[in-house]
Every structure is written in C-alpha cells, then in structure tokens.
Amino acid sequence: MSEIRRDIFLEGTSVYLRALEEKDVSGNYSFWLNDPEIVQFNSHGRFPMTVPMLKAFAESSQRSTNALILAIVDKQSDIHIGNISLQGINWVDRNAEIAFLLGERAFWGKGIMFEAGSLLIKHGFEALNLHRVHCGTSSANVGMQKLAVKLGMKQEGVRKEALFNHGEYHDIIEYGILNKA
C-alpha cells in the first residue's frame, strides 16, 4: 500500500502542487534565483537572493491573501522543481497574474509548466471564482509565449520597450484567458 501524501494541494499526472515549505529554501531554490540562465526572462536575478530572504518570502507566501504561490514537485522523484503562482489577485475584479519558474533544468521541455499551469488556471476559475488570468512576458521569451497560447490564452496587447534586460529594452507581450464557464 502506498503512502498517502497529505501535502498535495493540486495533483496532475507527473507533478503535484503544494505550499512552499521551509525545506524548499534549503534545497536548490535559492540557486535558481541567482542563476542567469534560469532567470533570464523574469524579474529575479537583478539583485542577489539570499537564503534568509527566500525563507522570509516562503513564510509570507503562506499568509498572503492576494497571492497563491505553490511549489511544483515531480511525483516520481518527489523533488521540488519549480514554482507557480497566481499573484496580484484582485478579488473585486476577479483576476490574477499567473507566473512560472522552472528551476531544475532536467525538467525543461517536458511539458511540466503546461501541466502545472492547467492545474492552477482551473483552480483559479473553479475554486477562487476568478474571471480572468493573465501574464506578460518578454518578446525574447518565445517559450513562454508558446506556453501561454497552449494554455488557451490570447494575446491581448504589447507594452512597447517596457522591460530592460541584458542592456536593451524589450516589449512585454500580454496574454489572458477568460473563464467562460
């Protein structure tokens, strides 16, 4: 008889999502946020991330009422491989931004973020009663653009030269999906 996991919040085929925990901070998590390749398209990496800062972030994420930040865990190895969140939740307008971080390179290109994103968007619509989920990404981040479309998001607009990254300005492409249920 297999052990019953009590920390699973949302479960997919190859991953499950759970709350961030203190044990995550002592793993590879802090290295991801200081790795230029992993954070090349997001807001991390502009300032160094320390273990105490990360610990404070993980603790505050558990108390937040306007963000749902979850660890992505590979079911087969039970390893924390990334994070996914609904952040900036606006309870009046019923929308939130979805954000992704896949830190473990061995899991890149395997559909992990599509599975995790599908789980979280469904939860946002069905359990949190959100009407709209959106994201923005650098015009240089083709992988995230493809993920947004695969998740059913539509391109909504472009913020011209809104992101300064690696010495040059990039457009931010905005995507969104509405709950039509």
N, C-alpha and C. Protein backbone atom coordinates (compact mmCIF):
# COMPACT_ATOMS: atom_id res chain seq x y z
N MET A 1 0.84 -1.19 0.00
CA MET A 1 0.00 0.00 0.00
C MET A 1 0.88 1.24 0.00
N SER A 2 0.63 2.16 -0.92
CA SER A 2 1.46 3.36 -1.00
C SER A 2 1.06 4.37 0.07
N GLU A 3 2.04 5.18 0.43
CA GLU A 3 1.84 6.21 1.44
C GLU A 3 0.93 7.31 0.89
N ILE A 4 0.03 7.81 1.69
CA ILE A 4 -0.86 8.89 1.28
C ILE A 4 -0.15 10.21 1.56
N ARG A 5 -0.03 11.04 0.51
CA ARG A 5 0.60 12.35 0.66
C ARG A 5 -0.44 13.31 1.23
N ARG A 6 -0.09 13.99 2.27
CA ARG A 6 -1.01 14.93 2.90
C ARG A 6 -0.73 16.38 2.49
N ASP A 7 0.40 16.62 1.81
CA ASP A 7 0.74 17.99 1.46
C ASP A 7 0.37 18.35 0.02
N ILE A 8 -0.26 17.45 -0.71
CA ILE A 8 -0.66 17.74 -2.08
C ILE A 8 -1.86 18.67 -2.08
N PHE A 9 -1.71 19.79 -2.81
CA PHE A 9 -2.81 20.74 -2.93
C PHE A 9 -3.55 20.50 -4.25
N LEU A 10 -2.81 20.42 -5.34
CA LEU A 10 -3.38 20.10 -6.65
C LEU A 10 -2.50 19.01 -7.26
N GLU A 11 -3.14 18.04 -7.91
CA GLU A 11 -2.37 16.91 -8.43
C GLU A 11 -2.61 16.70 -9.91
N GLY A 12 -1.51 16.52 -10.64
CA GLY A 12 -1.56 16.21 -12.05
C GLY A 12 -1.02 14.81 -12.29
N THR A 13 -0.70 14.54 -13.53
CA THR A 13 -0.18 13.24 -13.91
C THR A 13 1.28 13.06 -13.48
N SER A 14 2.11 14.07 -13.76
CA SER A 14 3.53 13.94 -13.46
C SER A 14 4.01 14.86 -12.35
N VAL A 15 3.20 15.83 -11.96
CA VAL A 15 3.58 16.75 -10.88
C VAL A 15 2.42 16.94 -9.92
N TYR A 16 2.77 17.42 -8.73
CA TYR A 16 1.74 17.92 -7.83
C TYR A 16 2.18 19.28 -7.32
N LEU A 17 1.22 20.08 -6.90
CA LEU A 17 1.47 21.42 -6.38
C LEU A 17 1.15 21.42 -4.90
N ARG A 18 2.02 22.06 -4.13
CA ARG A 18 1.82 22.18 -2.69
C ARG A 18 2.34 23.54 -2.23
N ALA A 19 2.03 23.89 -1.01
CA ALA A 19 2.53 25.14 -0.44
C ALA A 19 4.05 25.11 -0.36
N LEU A 20 4.66 26.28 -0.52
CA LEU A 20 6.10 26.37 -0.28
C LEU A 20 6.36 26.04 1.18
N GLU A 21 7.46 25.36 1.44
CA GLU A 21 7.81 24.97 2.81
C GLU A 21 9.24 25.38 3.10
N GLU A 22 9.57 25.43 4.36
CA GLU A 22 10.92 25.81 4.78
C GLU A 22 11.97 24.89 4.17
N LYS A 23 11.65 23.61 4.01
CA LYS A 23 12.61 22.67 3.43
C LYS A 23 12.98 23.05 2.00
N ASP A 24 12.10 23.74 1.28
CA ASP A 24 12.40 24.15 -0.08
C ASP A 24 13.55 25.16 -0.13
N VAL A 25 13.62 25.99 0.89
CA VAL A 25 14.65 27.02 0.96
C VAL A 25 16.04 26.41 1.07
N SER A 26 16.14 25.28 1.74
CA SER A 26 17.45 24.65 1.91
C SER A 26 17.82 23.78 0.71
N GLY A 27 16.92 23.65 -0.25
CA GLY A 27 17.22 22.90 -1.47
C GLY A 27 17.84 23.80 -2.53
N ASN A 28 17.59 23.49 -3.79
CA ASN A 28 18.17 24.24 -4.90
C ASN A 28 17.48 25.57 -5.18
N TYR A 29 16.37 25.83 -4.54
CA TYR A 29 15.55 27.00 -4.81
C TYR A 29 16.38 28.29 -4.84
N SER A 30 17.21 28.51 -3.83
CA SER A 30 17.98 29.76 -3.80
C SER A 30 18.97 29.84 -4.95
N PHE A 31 19.47 28.72 -5.43
CA PHE A 31 20.38 28.73 -6.57
C PHE A 31 19.67 29.15 -7.85
N TRP A 32 18.42 28.72 -8.02
CA TRP A 32 17.67 29.06 -9.23
C TRP A 32 17.61 30.57 -9.42
N LEU A 33 17.33 31.27 -8.32
CA LEU A 33 17.08 32.71 -8.41
C LEU A 33 18.35 33.53 -8.63
N ASN A 34 19.50 32.89 -8.53
CA ASN A 34 20.77 33.56 -8.80
C ASN A 34 21.43 33.03 -10.07
N ASP A 35 20.75 32.14 -10.77
CA ASP A 35 21.30 31.55 -12.00
C ASP A 35 20.82 32.38 -13.20
N PRO A 36 21.75 33.03 -13.91
CA PRO A 36 21.35 33.92 -15.01
C PRO A 36 20.53 33.24 -16.11
N GLU A 37 20.79 31.98 -16.39
CA GLU A 37 20.04 31.29 -17.44
C GLU A 37 18.60 31.01 -17.01
N ILE A 38 18.42 30.61 -15.75
CA ILE A 38 17.08 30.30 -15.25
C ILE A 38 16.21 31.55 -15.16
N VAL A 39 16.79 32.66 -14.76
CA VAL A 39 16.01 33.89 -14.53
C VAL A 39 16.14 34.90 -15.67
N GLN A 40 16.64 34.46 -16.81
CA GLN A 40 16.93 35.40 -17.89
C GLN A 40 15.72 36.20 -18.38
N PHE A 41 14.51 35.69 -18.21
CA PHE A 41 13.34 36.39 -18.73
C PHE A 41 12.40 36.89 -17.64
N ASN A 42 12.77 36.77 -16.37
CA ASN A 42 11.87 37.26 -15.33
C ASN A 42 12.54 38.32 -14.46
N SER A 43 11.87 38.78 -13.46
CA SER A 43 12.38 39.89 -12.65
C SER A 43 13.39 39.45 -11.59
N HIS A 44 13.57 38.15 -11.41
CA HIS A 44 14.59 37.67 -10.49
C HIS A 44 15.96 37.88 -11.12
N GLY A 45 16.99 37.82 -10.33
CA GLY A 45 18.34 37.91 -10.87
C GLY A 45 18.87 39.31 -11.00
N ARG A 46 18.07 40.30 -10.73
CA ARG A 46 18.56 41.68 -10.79
C ARG A 46 19.29 42.06 -9.51
N PHE A 47 18.89 41.40 -8.43
CA PHE A 47 19.55 41.57 -7.14
C PHE A 47 19.81 40.17 -6.59
N PRO A 48 20.87 39.98 -5.84
CA PRO A 48 21.14 38.63 -5.33
C PRO A 48 20.06 38.17 -4.35
N MET A 49 19.78 36.88 -4.39
CA MET A 49 18.81 36.28 -3.47
C MET A 49 19.59 35.48 -2.43
N THR A 50 19.28 35.73 -1.17
CA THR A 50 19.94 35.01 -0.09
C THR A 50 18.96 34.03 0.54
N VAL A 51 19.48 33.07 1.26
CA VAL A 51 18.62 32.09 1.93
C VAL A 51 17.69 32.78 2.94
N PRO A 52 18.17 33.72 3.78
CA PRO A 52 17.24 34.40 4.70
C PRO A 52 16.12 35.16 3.97
N MET A 53 16.45 35.79 2.84
CA MET A 53 15.41 36.50 2.07
C MET A 53 14.39 35.51 1.53
N LEU A 54 14.86 34.39 1.04
CA LEU A 54 13.98 33.38 0.48
C LEU A 54 13.11 32.76 1.57
N LYS A 55 13.68 32.54 2.73
CA LYS A 55 12.92 31.99 3.85
C LYS A 55 11.79 32.95 4.24
N ALA A 56 12.09 34.24 4.30
CA ALA A 56 11.05 35.24 4.62
C ALA A 56 9.96 35.25 3.56
N PHE A 57 10.35 35.11 2.28
CA PHE A 57 9.37 35.07 1.20
C PHE A 57 8.46 33.85 1.33
N ALA A 58 9.06 32.69 1.59
CA ALA A 58 8.26 31.46 1.73
C ALA A 58 7.28 31.57 2.89
N GLU A 59 7.73 32.13 4.00
CA GLU A 59 6.84 32.31 5.16
C GLU A 59 5.72 33.29 4.85
N SER A 60 6.03 34.40 4.19
CA SER A 60 4.99 35.38 3.88
C SER A 60 4.01 34.84 2.85
N SER A 61 4.47 33.95 1.97
CA SER A 61 3.57 33.39 0.96
C SER A 61 2.46 32.56 1.59
N GLN A 62 2.74 31.99 2.74
CA GLN A 62 1.73 31.17 3.42
C GLN A 62 0.64 32.02 4.07
N ARG A 63 0.92 33.30 4.29
CA ARG A 63 -0.06 34.20 4.92
C ARG A 63 -0.77 35.11 3.93
N SER A 64 -0.35 35.10 2.68
CA SER A 64 -0.86 36.04 1.69
C SER A 64 -2.33 35.78 1.37
N THR A 65 -3.07 36.86 1.21
CA THR A 65 -4.46 36.75 0.76
C THR A 65 -4.63 37.22 -0.68
N ASN A 66 -3.54 37.72 -1.29
CA ASN A 66 -3.65 38.16 -2.68
C ASN A 66 -2.65 37.44 -3.59
N ALA A 67 -2.07 36.35 -3.09
CA ALA A 67 -1.19 35.54 -3.92
C ALA A 67 -1.28 34.08 -3.47
N LEU A 68 -1.28 33.19 -4.43
CA LEU A 68 -1.25 31.75 -4.17
C LEU A 68 0.03 31.24 -4.82
N ILE A 69 1.05 31.01 -4.01
CA ILE A 69 2.37 30.62 -4.50
C ILE A 69 2.59 29.16 -4.12
N LEU A 70 2.82 28.33 -5.12
CA LEU A 70 2.91 26.89 -4.89
C LEU A 70 4.21 26.32 -5.44
N ALA A 71 4.72 25.33 -4.74
CA ALA A 71 5.86 24.56 -5.22
C ALA A 71 5.37 23.53 -6.23
N ILE A 72 6.13 23.35 -7.28
CA ILE A 72 5.87 22.28 -8.25
C ILE A 72 6.81 21.13 -7.89
N VAL A 73 6.22 19.96 -7.67
CA VAL A 73 7.01 18.80 -7.23
C VAL A 73 6.82 17.66 -8.23
N ASP A 74 7.94 17.09 -8.68
CA ASP A 74 7.90 15.93 -9.56
C ASP A 74 7.40 14.73 -8.76
N LYS A 75 6.35 14.10 -9.24
CA LYS A 75 5.75 12.99 -8.48
C LYS A 75 6.68 11.78 -8.38
N GLN A 76 7.42 11.50 -9.42
CA GLN A 76 8.27 10.31 -9.43
C GLN A 76 9.43 10.42 -8.44
N SER A 77 10.09 11.59 -8.41
CA SER A 77 11.27 11.75 -7.54
C SER A 77 10.95 12.48 -6.24
N ASP A 78 9.78 13.11 -6.15
CA ASP A 78 9.37 13.92 -5.01
C ASP A 78 10.31 15.11 -4.79
N ILE A 79 10.84 15.66 -5.89
CA ILE A 79 11.76 16.79 -5.84
C ILE A 79 11.02 18.07 -6.22
N HIS A 80 11.28 19.14 -5.45
CA HIS A 80 10.78 20.47 -5.75
C HIS A 80 11.54 20.97 -6.98
N ILE A 81 10.83 21.18 -8.09
CA ILE A 81 11.49 21.53 -9.34
C ILE A 81 11.19 22.95 -9.82
N GLY A 82 10.22 23.61 -9.21
CA GLY A 82 9.87 24.96 -9.62
C GLY A 82 8.72 25.50 -8.81
N ASN A 83 8.27 26.67 -9.20
CA ASN A 83 7.14 27.32 -8.53
C ASN A 83 6.16 27.82 -9.58
N ILE A 84 4.93 27.97 -9.15
CA ILE A 84 3.90 28.58 -9.98
C ILE A 84 3.01 29.39 -9.05
N SER A 85 2.49 30.50 -9.55
CA SER A 85 1.67 31.32 -8.66
C SER A 85 0.57 32.05 -9.41
N LEU A 86 -0.47 32.34 -8.66
CA LEU A 86 -1.45 33.34 -9.04
C LEU A 86 -1.14 34.51 -8.11
N GLN A 87 -0.76 35.63 -8.66
CA GLN A 87 -0.35 36.75 -7.82
C GLN A 87 -1.10 38.01 -8.22
N GLY A 88 -1.07 38.97 -7.31
CA GLY A 88 -1.83 40.18 -7.55
C GLY A 88 -3.31 39.89 -7.70
N ILE A 89 -3.79 38.92 -6.92
CA ILE A 89 -5.21 38.55 -7.04
C ILE A 89 -6.08 39.75 -6.67
N ASN A 90 -6.94 40.12 -7.57
CA ASN A 90 -7.87 41.23 -7.36
C ASN A 90 -9.25 40.60 -7.13
N TRP A 91 -9.69 40.61 -5.90
CA TRP A 91 -10.94 39.92 -5.53
C TRP A 91 -12.17 40.67 -6.01
N VAL A 92 -12.06 41.97 -6.28
CA VAL A 92 -13.19 42.74 -6.78
C VAL A 92 -13.38 42.49 -8.27
N ASP A 93 -12.30 42.64 -9.03
CA ASP A 93 -12.38 42.45 -10.48
C ASP A 93 -12.21 40.98 -10.88
N ARG A 94 -11.86 40.13 -9.91
CA ARG A 94 -11.75 38.68 -10.09
C ARG A 94 -10.73 38.30 -11.17
N ASN A 95 -9.52 38.85 -11.03
CA ASN A 95 -8.45 38.47 -11.94
C ASN A 95 -7.14 38.32 -11.19
N ALA A 96 -6.18 37.66 -11.84
CA ALA A 96 -4.87 37.43 -11.25
C ALA A 96 -3.85 37.18 -12.34
N GLU A 97 -2.60 37.43 -12.01
CA GLU A 97 -1.49 37.15 -12.92
C GLU A 97 -0.92 35.78 -12.58
N ILE A 98 -0.66 34.97 -13.58
CA ILE A 98 -0.01 33.68 -13.37
C ILE A 98 1.48 33.86 -13.68
N ALA A 99 2.32 33.26 -12.84
CA ALA A 99 3.77 33.35 -13.01
C ALA A 99 4.39 31.97 -12.86
N PHE A 100 5.47 31.74 -13.57
CA PHE A 100 6.11 30.43 -13.66
C PHE A 100 7.60 30.53 -13.38
N LEU A 101 8.15 29.52 -12.71
CA LEU A 101 9.60 29.39 -12.53
C LEU A 101 9.92 27.90 -12.49
N LEU A 102 10.60 27.43 -13.53
CA LEU A 102 11.03 26.03 -13.56
C LEU A 102 12.54 26.02 -13.38
N GLY A 103 12.97 25.71 -12.17
CA GLY A 103 14.38 25.85 -11.80
C GLY A 103 15.26 24.68 -12.16
N GLU A 104 14.72 23.49 -12.17
CA GLU A 104 15.54 22.30 -12.43
C GLU A 104 15.61 22.04 -13.93
N ARG A 105 16.79 22.25 -14.49
CA ARG A 105 16.97 22.15 -15.95
C ARG A 105 16.60 20.78 -16.51
N ALA A 106 16.77 19.73 -15.74
CA ALA A 106 16.46 18.37 -16.22
C ALA A 106 14.99 18.24 -16.60
N PHE A 107 14.14 19.16 -16.15
CA PHE A 107 12.70 19.09 -16.41
C PHE A 107 12.26 20.07 -17.50
N TRP A 108 13.18 20.83 -18.05
CA TRP A 108 12.84 21.78 -19.12
C TRP A 108 12.41 21.00 -20.37
N GLY A 109 11.43 21.53 -21.07
CA GLY A 109 10.99 20.96 -22.34
C GLY A 109 10.18 19.69 -22.21
N LYS A 110 9.64 19.40 -21.03
CA LYS A 110 8.90 18.16 -20.82
C LYS A 110 7.41 18.39 -20.57
N GLY A 111 6.93 19.61 -20.78
CA GLY A 111 5.51 19.89 -20.60
C GLY A 111 5.09 20.11 -19.16
N ILE A 112 6.05 20.26 -18.26
CA ILE A 112 5.75 20.43 -16.83
C ILE A 112 4.93 21.69 -16.59
N MET A 113 5.34 22.80 -17.20
CA MET A 113 4.64 24.05 -16.94
C MET A 113 3.25 24.08 -17.56
N PHE A 114 3.06 23.37 -18.64
CA PHE A 114 1.71 23.27 -19.19
C PHE A 114 0.81 22.53 -18.20
N GLU A 115 1.30 21.42 -17.66
CA GLU A 115 0.51 20.66 -16.69
C GLU A 115 0.23 21.48 -15.44
N ALA A 116 1.27 22.11 -14.88
CA ALA A 116 1.10 22.92 -13.68
C ALA A 116 0.19 24.12 -13.95
N GLY A 117 0.40 24.77 -15.10
CA GLY A 117 -0.43 25.93 -15.45
C GLY A 117 -1.89 25.55 -15.63
N SER A 118 -2.13 24.43 -16.27
CA SER A 118 -3.51 23.96 -16.45
C SER A 118 -4.18 23.71 -15.11
N LEU A 119 -3.45 23.07 -14.19
CA LEU A 119 -4.00 22.81 -12.84
C LEU A 119 -4.35 24.11 -12.13
N LEU A 120 -3.43 25.08 -12.19
CA LEU A 120 -3.64 26.31 -11.43
C LEU A 120 -4.71 27.20 -12.05
N ILE A 121 -4.76 27.28 -13.37
CA ILE A 121 -5.82 28.07 -14.01
C ILE A 121 -7.19 27.47 -13.69
N LYS A 122 -7.31 26.17 -13.79
CA LYS A 122 -8.57 25.50 -13.45
C LYS A 122 -8.97 25.80 -12.00
N HIS A 123 -8.00 25.72 -11.09
CA HIS A 123 -8.27 26.03 -9.68
C HIS A 123 -8.69 27.50 -9.53
N GLY A 124 -8.01 28.39 -10.24
CA GLY A 124 -8.36 29.80 -10.16
C GLY A 124 -9.79 30.07 -10.60
N PHE A 125 -10.22 29.40 -11.66
CA PHE A 125 -11.57 29.60 -12.16
C PHE A 125 -12.61 28.88 -11.31
N GLU A 126 -12.34 27.63 -10.96
CA GLU A 126 -13.36 26.82 -10.29
C GLU A 126 -13.41 27.00 -8.78
N ALA A 127 -12.29 27.24 -8.13
CA ALA A 127 -12.28 27.34 -6.66
C ALA A 127 -12.18 28.78 -6.16
N LEU A 128 -11.45 29.62 -6.90
CA LEU A 128 -11.27 31.00 -6.45
C LEU A 128 -12.25 31.96 -7.11
N ASN A 129 -13.04 31.45 -8.06
CA ASN A 129 -14.05 32.24 -8.76
C ASN A 129 -13.43 33.41 -9.53
N LEU A 130 -12.22 33.19 -10.07
CA LEU A 130 -11.62 34.22 -10.90
C LEU A 130 -12.31 34.24 -12.26
N HIS A 131 -12.34 35.41 -12.85
CA HIS A 131 -12.92 35.57 -14.19
C HIS A 131 -11.83 35.61 -15.26
N ARG A 132 -10.64 36.11 -14.88
CA ARG A 132 -9.57 36.30 -15.86
C ARG A 132 -8.22 35.99 -15.22
N VAL A 133 -7.38 35.28 -15.98
CA VAL A 133 -6.00 35.03 -15.59
C VAL A 133 -5.13 35.56 -16.72
N HIS A 134 -4.07 36.26 -16.36
CA HIS A 134 -3.23 36.90 -17.37
C HIS A 134 -1.75 36.73 -17.04
N CYS A 135 -0.93 36.99 -18.03
CA CYS A 135 0.52 37.00 -17.83
C CYS A 135 1.13 37.92 -18.87
N GLY A 136 2.34 38.36 -18.58
CA GLY A 136 3.11 39.14 -19.53
C GLY A 136 4.50 38.54 -19.64
N THR A 137 5.08 38.58 -20.82
CA THR A 137 6.41 38.01 -20.99
C THR A 137 7.22 38.83 -21.99
N SER A 138 8.51 38.73 -21.86
CA SER A 138 9.43 39.41 -22.76
C SER A 138 9.22 38.94 -24.20
N SER A 139 9.36 39.86 -25.12
CA SER A 139 9.26 39.50 -26.53
C SER A 139 10.37 38.51 -26.92
N ALA A 140 11.42 38.42 -26.12
CA ALA A 140 12.50 37.48 -26.37
C ALA A 140 12.21 36.08 -25.82
N ASN A 141 11.18 35.95 -24.99
CA ASN A 141 10.88 34.67 -24.34
C ASN A 141 9.85 33.89 -25.18
N VAL A 142 10.32 33.30 -26.24
CA VAL A 142 9.45 32.57 -27.16
C VAL A 142 8.81 31.37 -26.47
N GLY A 143 9.53 30.69 -25.59
CA GLY A 143 8.98 29.54 -24.88
C GLY A 143 7.76 29.91 -24.05
N MET A 144 7.82 31.03 -23.34
CA MET A 144 6.68 31.46 -22.53
C MET A 144 5.51 31.88 -23.42
N GLN A 145 5.80 32.49 -24.55
CA GLN A 145 4.73 32.86 -25.48
C GLN A 145 4.00 31.61 -25.97
N LYS A 146 4.75 30.58 -26.31
CA LYS A 146 4.14 29.33 -26.76
C LYS A 146 3.33 28.69 -25.64
N LEU A 147 3.85 28.73 -24.41
CA LEU A 147 3.12 28.17 -23.27
C LEU A 147 1.80 28.90 -23.06
N ALA A 148 1.82 30.22 -23.10
CA ALA A 148 0.59 30.99 -22.90
C ALA A 148 -0.47 30.58 -23.92
N VAL A 149 -0.09 30.46 -25.18
CA VAL A 149 -1.03 30.07 -26.23
C VAL A 149 -1.53 28.65 -25.99
N LYS A 150 -0.63 27.74 -25.63
CA LYS A 150 -1.01 26.35 -25.38
C LYS A 150 -2.00 26.25 -24.21
N LEU A 151 -1.87 27.15 -23.24
CA LEU A 151 -2.79 27.18 -22.10
C LEU A 151 -4.14 27.80 -22.45
N GLY A 152 -4.30 28.23 -23.69
CA GLY A 152 -5.58 28.81 -24.12
C GLY A 152 -5.64 30.31 -24.01
N MET A 153 -4.53 30.95 -23.70
CA MET A 153 -4.51 32.40 -23.57
C MET A 153 -4.45 33.04 -24.95
N LYS A 154 -4.98 34.23 -25.02
CA LYS A 154 -4.96 35.01 -26.25
C LYS A 154 -4.06 36.23 -26.02
N GLN A 155 -3.33 36.61 -27.07
CA GLN A 155 -2.53 37.82 -26.96
C GLN A 155 -3.47 39.02 -26.87
N GLU A 156 -3.26 39.84 -25.85
CA GLU A 156 -4.14 40.98 -25.62
C GLU A 156 -3.49 42.32 -25.96
N GLY A 157 -2.19 42.35 -25.98
CA GLY A 157 -1.53 43.61 -26.26
C GLY A 157 -0.03 43.53 -26.09
N VAL A 158 0.61 44.67 -26.35
CA VAL A 158 2.05 44.76 -26.24
C VAL A 158 2.39 46.05 -25.51
N ARG A 159 3.22 45.95 -24.50
CA ARG A 159 3.77 47.14 -23.83
C ARG A 159 5.15 47.38 -24.44
N LYS A 160 5.25 48.40 -25.24
CA LYS A 160 6.47 48.68 -26.00
C LYS A 160 7.63 49.03 -25.07
N GLU A 161 8.75 48.35 -25.29
CA GLU A 161 10.01 48.59 -24.58
C GLU A 161 9.81 48.79 -23.08
N ALA A 162 8.99 47.94 -22.48
CA ALA A 162 8.66 48.06 -21.06
C ALA A 162 9.60 47.28 -20.15
N LEU A 163 10.50 46.51 -20.73
CA LEU A 163 11.40 45.67 -19.95
C LEU A 163 12.84 45.94 -20.35
N PHE A 164 13.68 46.29 -19.38
CA PHE A 164 15.10 46.48 -19.63
C PHE A 164 15.81 45.23 -19.15
N ASN A 165 16.44 44.53 -20.08
CA ASN A 165 17.06 43.25 -19.75
C ASN A 165 18.32 43.07 -20.60
N HIS A 166 19.41 42.74 -19.94
CA HIS A 166 20.69 42.49 -20.63
C HIS A 166 21.10 43.66 -21.52
N GLY A 167 20.91 44.86 -21.00
CA GLY A 167 21.40 46.05 -21.69
C GLY A 167 20.53 46.58 -22.81
N GLU A 168 19.34 46.01 -22.98
CA GLU A 168 18.46 46.52 -24.02
C GLU A 168 17.00 46.43 -23.60
N TYR A 169 16.18 47.22 -24.27
CA TYR A 169 14.75 47.23 -23.98
C TYR A 169 14.03 46.19 -24.82
N HIS A 170 13.05 45.54 -24.19
CA HIS A 170 12.21 44.54 -24.87
C HIS A 170 10.75 44.89 -24.64
N ASP A 171 9.93 44.52 -25.60
CA ASP A 171 8.48 44.65 -25.41
C ASP A 171 8.02 43.57 -24.44
N ILE A 172 6.94 43.84 -23.75
CA ILE A 172 6.26 42.83 -22.95
C ILE A 172 4.97 42.48 -23.67
N ILE A 173 4.82 41.21 -23.98
CA ILE A 173 3.62 40.74 -24.67
C ILE A 173 2.65 40.24 -23.61
N GLU A 174 1.44 40.76 -23.65
CA GLU A 174 0.42 40.44 -22.65
C GLU A 174 -0.53 39.37 -23.19
N TYR A 175 -0.83 38.39 -22.34
CA TYR A 175 -1.76 37.31 -22.67
C TYR A 175 -2.81 37.21 -21.58
N GLY A 176 -4.00 36.70 -21.94
CA GLY A 176 -5.04 36.50 -20.95
C GLY A 176 -6.01 35.41 -21.38
N ILE A 177 -6.69 34.87 -20.40
CA ILE A 177 -7.73 33.87 -20.64
C ILE A 177 -8.90 34.20 -19.72
N LEU A 178 -10.10 34.09 -20.26
CA LEU A 178 -11.32 34.36 -19.51
C LEU A 178 -12.00 33.05 -19.13
N ASN A 179 -12.64 33.05 -17.97
CA ASN A 179 -13.43 31.89 -17.55
C ASN A 179 -14.79 32.02 -18.23
N LYS A 180 -15.01 31.19 -19.19
CA LYS A 180 -16.27 31.23 -19.95
C LYS A 180 -17.29 30.21 -19.45
N ALA A 181 -16.98 29.57 -18.33
CA ALA A 181 -17.90 28.55 -17.80
C ALA A 181 -19.13 29.17 -17.21
